[in-house]
Amino acid sequence: MKPFTLRLFFPDGDPYGLKVAKLGNWSGVGVIFPRALFGEAKKRPELGRPGVYLLLGEDEDGFPEL
């Protein structure tokens, strides 16, 4: 695997809040946030672009679910 640069931006300064991730040599952007911050996150310009959106959570037994 080749080395790469991953830049993380924390718009509100909270590492557990909204995060914007950019990978060098790639035009895409990742936006990571807890479900509770969806209202704030949808105001971000990154979410106005076409893309793939994944919702992560847990099932009834506490196992990760996509």
PDB file of N, CA and C in Angstrom:
ATOM      1  N   MET A   1       0.847  -1.170   0.000  1.00  0.00           N
ATOM      2  CA  MET A   1       0.000   0.000   0.000  1.00  0.00           C
ATOM      3  C   MET A   1       0.898   1.241   0.000  1.00  0.00           C
ATOM      4  N   LYS A   2       0.529   2.232  -0.803  1.00  0.00           N
ATOM      5  CA  LYS A   2       1.281   3.479  -0.880  1.00  0.00           C
ATOM      6  C   LYS A   2       0.883   4.396   0.273  1.00  0.00           C
ATOM      7  N   PRO A   3       1.806   5.229   0.733  1.00  0.00           N
ATOM      8  CA  PRO A   3       1.461   6.198   1.771  1.00  0.00           C
ATOM      9  C   PRO A   3       0.491   7.248   1.227  1.00  0.00           C
ATOM     10  N   PHE A   4      -0.317   7.815   2.089  1.00  0.00           N
ATOM     11  CA  PHE A   4      -1.257   8.849   1.687  1.00  0.00           C
ATOM     12  C   PHE A   4      -1.472   9.807   2.853  1.00  0.00           C
ATOM     13  N   THR A   5      -2.081  10.934   2.552  1.00  0.00           N
ATOM     14  CA  THR A   5      -2.392  11.938   3.566  1.00  0.00           C
ATOM     15  C   THR A   5      -3.897  12.006   3.747  1.00  0.00           C
ATOM     16  N   LEU A   6      -4.338  11.967   4.973  1.00  0.00           N
ATOM     17  CA  LEU A   6      -5.752  12.106   5.319  1.00  0.00           C
ATOM     18  C   LEU A   6      -5.870  13.335   6.204  1.00  0.00           C
ATOM     19  N   ARG A   7      -6.664  14.307   5.752  1.00  0.00           N
ATOM     20  CA  ARG A   7      -6.859  15.527   6.527  1.00  0.00           C
ATOM     21  C   ARG A   7      -8.226  15.481   7.192  1.00  0.00           C
ATOM     22  N   LEU A   8      -8.258  15.726   8.491  1.00  0.00           N
ATOM     23  CA  LEU A   8      -9.509  15.792   9.238  1.00  0.00           C
ATOM     24  C   LEU A   8      -9.737  17.219   9.707  1.00  0.00           C
ATOM     25  N   PHE A   9     -10.952  17.701   9.508  1.00  0.00           N
ATOM     26  CA  PHE A   9     -11.338  19.042   9.936  1.00  0.00           C
ATOM     27  C   PHE A   9     -12.497  18.899  10.916  1.00  0.00           C
ATOM     28  N   PHE A  10     -12.378  19.547  12.064  1.00  0.00           N
ATOM     29  CA  PHE A  10     -13.419  19.525  13.090  1.00  0.00           C
ATOM     30  C   PHE A  10     -14.033  20.926  13.147  1.00  0.00           C
ATOM     31  N   PRO A  11     -15.113  21.186  12.403  1.00  0.00           N
ATOM     32  CA  PRO A  11     -15.674  22.536  12.303  1.00  0.00           C
ATOM     33  C   PRO A  11     -16.039  23.172  13.642  1.00  0.00           C
ATOM     34  N   ASP A  12     -16.493  22.381  14.595  1.00  0.00           N
ATOM     35  CA  ASP A  12     -16.871  22.948  15.889  1.00  0.00           C
ATOM     36  C   ASP A  12     -15.823  22.677  16.969  1.00  0.00           C
ATOM     37  N   GLY A  13     -14.689  22.086  16.591  1.00  0.00           N
ATOM     38  CA  GLY A  13     -13.615  21.824  17.532  1.00  0.00           C
ATOM     39  C   GLY A  13     -13.802  20.596  18.402  1.00  0.00           C
ATOM     40  N   ASP A  14     -14.876  19.855  18.216  1.00  0.00           N
ATOM     41  CA  ASP A  14     -15.177  18.682  19.028  1.00  0.00           C
ATOM     42  C   ASP A  14     -14.845  17.409  18.246  1.00  0.00           C
ATOM     43  N   PRO A  15     -13.884  16.604  18.724  1.00  0.00           N
ATOM     44  CA  PRO A  15     -13.523  15.387  17.977  1.00  0.00           C
ATOM     45  C   PRO A  15     -14.631  14.331  17.961  1.00  0.00           C
ATOM     46  N   TYR A  16     -15.639  14.486  18.811  1.00  0.00           N
ATOM     47  CA  TYR A  16     -16.768  13.549  18.823  1.00  0.00           C
ATOM     48  C   TYR A  16     -17.963  14.094  18.049  1.00  0.00           C
ATOM     49  N   GLY A  17     -17.822  15.288  17.506  1.00  0.00           N
ATOM     50  CA  GLY A  17     -18.897  15.912  16.740  1.00  0.00           C
ATOM     51  C   GLY A  17     -18.696  15.712  15.247  1.00  0.00           C
ATOM     52  N   LEU A  18     -19.038  16.733  14.494  1.00  0.00           N
ATOM     53  CA  LEU A  18     -18.947  16.701  13.027  1.00  0.00           C
ATOM     54  C   LEU A  18     -17.486  16.695  12.601  1.00  0.00           C
ATOM     55  N   LYS A  19     -17.155  15.822  11.627  1.00  0.00           N
ATOM     56  CA  LYS A  19     -15.807  15.732  11.081  1.00  0.00           C
ATOM     57  C   LYS A  19     -15.902  15.753   9.557  1.00  0.00           C
ATOM     58  N   VAL A  20     -14.972  16.441   8.915  1.00  0.00           N
ATOM     59  CA  VAL A  20     -14.874  16.459   7.455  1.00  0.00           C
ATOM     60  C   VAL A  20     -13.512  15.864   7.110  1.00  0.00           C
ATOM     61  N   ALA A  21     -13.512  14.802   6.312  1.00  0.00           N
ATOM     62  CA  ALA A  21     -12.278  14.097   5.961  1.00  0.00           C
ATOM     63  C   ALA A  21     -11.985  14.275   4.473  1.00  0.00           C
ATOM     64  N   LYS A  22     -10.725  14.603   4.176  1.00  0.00           N
ATOM     65  CA  LYS A  22     -10.282  14.741   2.789  1.00  0.00           C
ATOM     66  C   LYS A  22      -9.037  13.894   2.602  1.00  0.00           C
ATOM     67  N   LEU A  23      -9.021  13.139   1.530  1.00  0.00           N
ATOM     68  CA  LEU A  23      -7.912  12.262   1.205  1.00  0.00           C
ATOM     69  C   LEU A  23      -7.133  12.883   0.054  1.00  0.00           C
ATOM     70  N   GLY A  24      -5.816  12.967   0.197  1.00  0.00           N
ATOM     71  CA  GLY A  24      -4.988  13.533  -0.860  1.00  0.00           C
ATOM     72  C   GLY A  24      -5.180  12.790  -2.179  1.00  0.00           C
ATOM     73  N   ASN A  25      -5.095  13.502  -3.284  1.00  0.00           N
ATOM     74  CA  ASN A  25      -5.251  12.948  -4.639  1.00  0.00           C
ATOM     75  C   ASN A  25      -6.623  12.328  -4.889  1.00  0.00           C
ATOM     76  N   TRP A  26      -7.649  12.813  -4.185  1.00  0.00           N
ATOM     77  CA  TRP A  26      -9.017  12.326  -4.401  1.00  0.00           C
ATOM     78  C   TRP A  26      -9.958  13.511  -4.244  1.00  0.00           C
ATOM     79  N   SER A  27     -10.921  13.649  -5.140  1.00  0.00           N
ATOM     80  CA  SER A  27     -11.816  14.805  -5.096  1.00  0.00           C
ATOM     81  C   SER A  27     -12.983  14.615  -4.131  1.00  0.00           C
ATOM     82  N   GLY A  28     -13.173  13.418  -3.618  1.00  0.00           N
ATOM     83  CA  GLY A  28     -14.277  13.155  -2.701  1.00  0.00           C
ATOM     84  C   GLY A  28     -14.002  13.685  -1.305  1.00  0.00           C
ATOM     85  N   VAL A  29     -15.068  13.752  -0.531  1.00  0.00           N
ATOM     86  CA  VAL A  29     -15.001  14.245   0.842  1.00  0.00           C
ATOM     87  C   VAL A  29     -15.855  13.331   1.705  1.00  0.00           C
ATOM     88  N   GLY A  30     -15.381  13.029   2.894  1.00  0.00           N
ATOM     89  CA  GLY A  30     -16.171  12.264   3.846  1.00  0.00           C
ATOM     90  C   GLY A  30     -16.671  13.178   4.948  1.00  0.00           C
ATOM     91  N   VAL A  31     -17.932  13.045   5.299  1.00  0.00           N
ATOM     92  CA  VAL A  31     -18.506  13.810   6.403  1.00  0.00           C
ATOM     93  C   VAL A  31     -19.013  12.786   7.411  1.00  0.00           C
ATOM     94  N   ILE A  32     -18.483  12.853   8.621  1.00  0.00           N
ATOM     95  CA  ILE A  32     -18.811  11.879   9.655  1.00  0.00           C
ATOM     96  C   ILE A  32     -19.426  12.630  10.828  1.00  0.00           C
ATOM     97  N   PHE A  33     -20.565  12.147  11.294  1.00  0.00           N
ATOM     98  CA  PHE A  33     -21.216  12.814  12.415  1.00  0.00           C
ATOM     99  C   PHE A  33     -22.196  11.856  13.084  1.00  0.00           C
ATOM    100  N   PRO A  34     -22.463  12.096  14.375  1.00  0.00           N
ATOM    101  CA  PRO A  34     -23.482  11.297  15.054  1.00  0.00           C
ATOM    102  C   PRO A  34     -24.871  11.685  14.538  1.00  0.00           C
ATOM    103  N   ARG A  35     -25.772  10.750  14.592  1.00  0.00           N
ATOM    104  CA  ARG A  35     -27.137  10.979  14.091  1.00  0.00           C
ATOM    105  C   ARG A  35     -27.775  12.209  14.732  1.00  0.00           C
ATOM    106  N   ALA A  36     -27.465  12.468  15.991  1.00  0.00           N
ATOM    107  CA  ALA A  36     -28.045  13.613  16.697  1.00  0.00           C
ATOM    108  C   ALA A  36     -27.660  14.948  16.060  1.00  0.00           C
ATOM    109  N   LEU A  37     -26.568  14.980  15.305  1.00  0.00           N
ATOM    110  CA  LEU A  37     -26.109  16.217  14.663  1.00  0.00           C
ATOM    111  C   LEU A  37     -26.521  16.321  13.195  1.00  0.00           C
ATOM    112  N   PHE A  38     -27.467  15.490  12.758  1.00  0.00           N
ATOM    113  CA  PHE A  38     -27.869  15.502  11.354  1.00  0.00           C
ATOM    114  C   PHE A  38     -28.390  16.872  10.924  1.00  0.00           C
ATOM    115  N   GLY A  39     -29.173  17.527  11.771  1.00  0.00           N
ATOM    116  CA  GLY A  39     -29.704  18.852  11.425  1.00  0.00           C
ATOM    117  C   GLY A  39     -28.606  19.859  11.148  1.00  0.00           C
ATOM    118  N   GLU A  40     -27.561  19.840  11.962  1.00  0.00           N
ATOM    119  CA  GLU A  40     -26.421  20.727  11.760  1.00  0.00           C
ATOM    120  C   GLU A  40     -25.614  20.313  10.525  1.00  0.00           C
ATOM    121  N   ALA A  41     -25.425  19.002  10.365  1.00  0.00           N
ATOM    122  CA  ALA A  41     -24.600  18.490   9.268  1.00  0.00           C
ATOM    123  C   ALA A  41     -25.213  18.774   7.909  1.00  0.00           C
ATOM    124  N   LYS A  42     -26.533  18.718   7.793  1.00  0.00           N
ATOM    125  CA  LYS A  42     -27.134  18.916   6.466  1.00  0.00           C
ATOM    126  C   LYS A  42     -27.011  20.348   5.969  1.00  0.00           C
ATOM    127  N   LYS A  43     -26.565  21.261   6.820  1.00  0.00           N
ATOM    128  CA  LYS A  43     -26.296  22.644   6.407  1.00  0.00           C
ATOM    129  C   LYS A  43     -24.928  22.777   5.738  1.00  0.00           C
ATOM    130  N   ARG A  44     -24.081  21.755   5.889  1.00  0.00           N
ATOM    131  CA  ARG A  44     -22.735  21.788   5.316  1.00  0.00           C
ATOM    132  C   ARG A  44     -22.801  21.697   3.794  1.00  0.00           C
ATOM    133  N   PRO A  45     -21.973  22.446   3.077  1.00  0.00           N
ATOM    134  CA  PRO A  45     -21.990  22.392   1.607  1.00  0.00           C
ATOM    135  C   PRO A  45     -21.607  21.013   1.056  1.00  0.00           C
ATOM    136  N   GLU A  46     -20.818  20.235   1.814  1.00  0.00           N
ATOM    137  CA  GLU A  46     -20.409  18.906   1.349  1.00  0.00           C
ATOM    138  C   GLU A  46     -21.607  17.977   1.157  1.00  0.00           C
ATOM    139  N   LEU A  47     -22.651  18.154   1.946  1.00  0.00           N
ATOM    140  CA  LEU A  47     -23.824  17.272   1.824  1.00  0.00           C
ATOM    141  C   LEU A  47     -24.756  17.683   0.687  1.00  0.00           C
ATOM    142  N   GLY A  48     -24.460  18.785   0.021  1.00  0.00           N
ATOM    143  CA  GLY A  48     -25.234  19.204  -1.135  1.00  0.00           C
ATOM    144  C   GLY A  48     -24.741  18.569  -2.428  1.00  0.00           C
ATOM    145  N   ARG A  49     -23.644  17.842  -2.353  1.00  0.00           N
ATOM    146  CA  ARG A  49     -23.062  17.193  -3.532  1.00  0.00           C
ATOM    147  C   ARG A  49     -23.619  15.788  -3.679  1.00  0.00           C
ATOM    148  N   PRO A  50     -23.643  15.261  -4.908  1.00  0.00           N
ATOM    149  CA  PRO A  50     -24.036  13.858  -5.080  1.00  0.00           C
ATOM    150  C   PRO A  50     -23.048  12.955  -4.354  1.00  0.00           C
ATOM    151  N   GLY A  51     -23.533  11.850  -3.840  1.00  0.00           N
ATOM    152  CA  GLY A  51     -22.622  10.960  -3.144  1.00  0.00           C
ATOM    153  C   GLY A  51     -23.293   9.708  -2.640  1.00  0.00           C
ATOM    154  N   VAL A  52     -22.560   8.972  -1.870  1.00  0.00           N
ATOM    155  CA  VAL A  52     -23.038   7.750  -1.227  1.00  0.00           C
ATOM    156  C   VAL A  52     -23.144   8.056   0.263  1.00  0.00           C
ATOM    157  N   TYR A  53     -24.281   7.758   0.830  1.00  0.00           N
ATOM    158  CA  TYR A  53     -24.507   8.059   2.233  1.00  0.00           C
ATOM    159  C   TYR A  53     -24.740   6.756   2.979  1.00  0.00           C
ATOM    160  N   LEU A  54     -24.000   6.550   4.075  1.00  0.00           N
ATOM    161  CA  LEU A  54     -24.103   5.336   4.877  1.00  0.00           C
ATOM    162  C   LEU A  54     -24.568   5.716   6.276  1.00  0.00           C
ATOM    163  N   LEU A  55     -25.561   5.004   6.783  1.00  0.00           N
ATOM    164  CA  LEU A  55     -26.021   5.207   8.149  1.00  0.00           C
ATOM    165  C   LEU A  55     -25.566   4.024   8.971  1.00  0.00           C
ATOM    166  N   LEU A  56     -24.823   4.282  10.011  1.00  0.00           N
ATOM    167  CA  LEU A  56     -24.306   3.235  10.884  1.00  0.00           C
ATOM    168  C   LEU A  56     -25.051   3.277  12.206  1.00  0.00           C
ATOM    169  N   GLY A  57     -25.220   2.125  12.806  1.00  0.00           N
ATOM    170  CA  GLY A  57     -25.869   2.045  14.099  1.00  0.00           C
ATOM    171  C   GLY A  57     -25.625   0.698  14.722  1.00  0.00           C
ATOM    172  N   GLU A  58     -26.473   0.342  15.662  1.00  0.00           N
ATOM    173  CA  GLU A  58     -26.380  -0.954  16.316  1.00  0.00           C
ATOM    174  C   GLU A  58     -27.733  -1.637  16.261  1.00  0.00           C
ATOM    175  N   ASP A  59     -27.703  -2.977  16.173  1.00  0.00           N
ATOM    176  CA  ASP A  59     -28.943  -3.730  16.215  1.00  0.00           C
ATOM    177  C   ASP A  59     -29.380  -3.909  17.668  1.00  0.00           C
ATOM    178  N   GLU A  60     -30.452  -4.672  17.892  1.00  0.00           N
ATOM    179  CA  GLU A  60     -31.004  -4.859  19.243  1.00  0.00           C
ATOM    180  C   GLU A  60     -30.008  -5.472  20.201  1.00  0.00           C
ATOM    181  N   ASP A  61     -29.055  -6.266  19.668  1.00  0.00           N
ATOM    182  CA  ASP A  61     -28.065  -6.935  20.512  1.00  0.00           C
ATOM    183  C   ASP A  61     -26.786  -6.122  20.689  1.00  0.00           C
ATOM    184  N   GLY A  62     -26.738  -4.910  20.134  1.00  0.00           N
ATOM    185  CA  GLY A  62     -25.565  -4.069  20.276  1.00  0.00           C
ATOM    186  C   GLY A  62     -24.479  -4.285  19.243  1.00  0.00           C
ATOM    187  N   PHE A  63     -24.775  -5.097  18.209  1.00  0.00           N
ATOM    188  CA  PHE A  63     -23.794  -5.335  17.148  1.00  0.00           C
ATOM    189  C   PHE A  63     -23.891  -4.236  16.101  1.00  0.00           C
ATOM    190  N   PRO A  64     -22.752  -3.888  15.471  1.00  0.00           N
ATOM    191  CA  PRO A  64     -22.775  -2.849  14.434  1.00  0.00           C
ATOM    192  C   PRO A  64     -23.713  -3.231  13.295  1.00  0.00           C
ATOM    193  N   GLU A  65     -24.384  -2.217  12.762  1.00  0.00           N
ATOM    194  CA  GLU A  65     -25.338  -2.434  11.673  1.00  0.00           C
ATOM    195  C   GLU A  65     -25.180  -1.307  10.662  1.00  0.00           C
ATOM    196  N   LEU A  66     -25.260  -1.627   9.398  1.00  0.00           N
ATOM    197  CA  LEU A  66     -25.142  -0.636   8.332  1.00  0.00           C
ATOM    198  C   LEU A  66     -26.483  -0.452   7.689  1.00  0.00           C
TER     199      LEU A  66
END
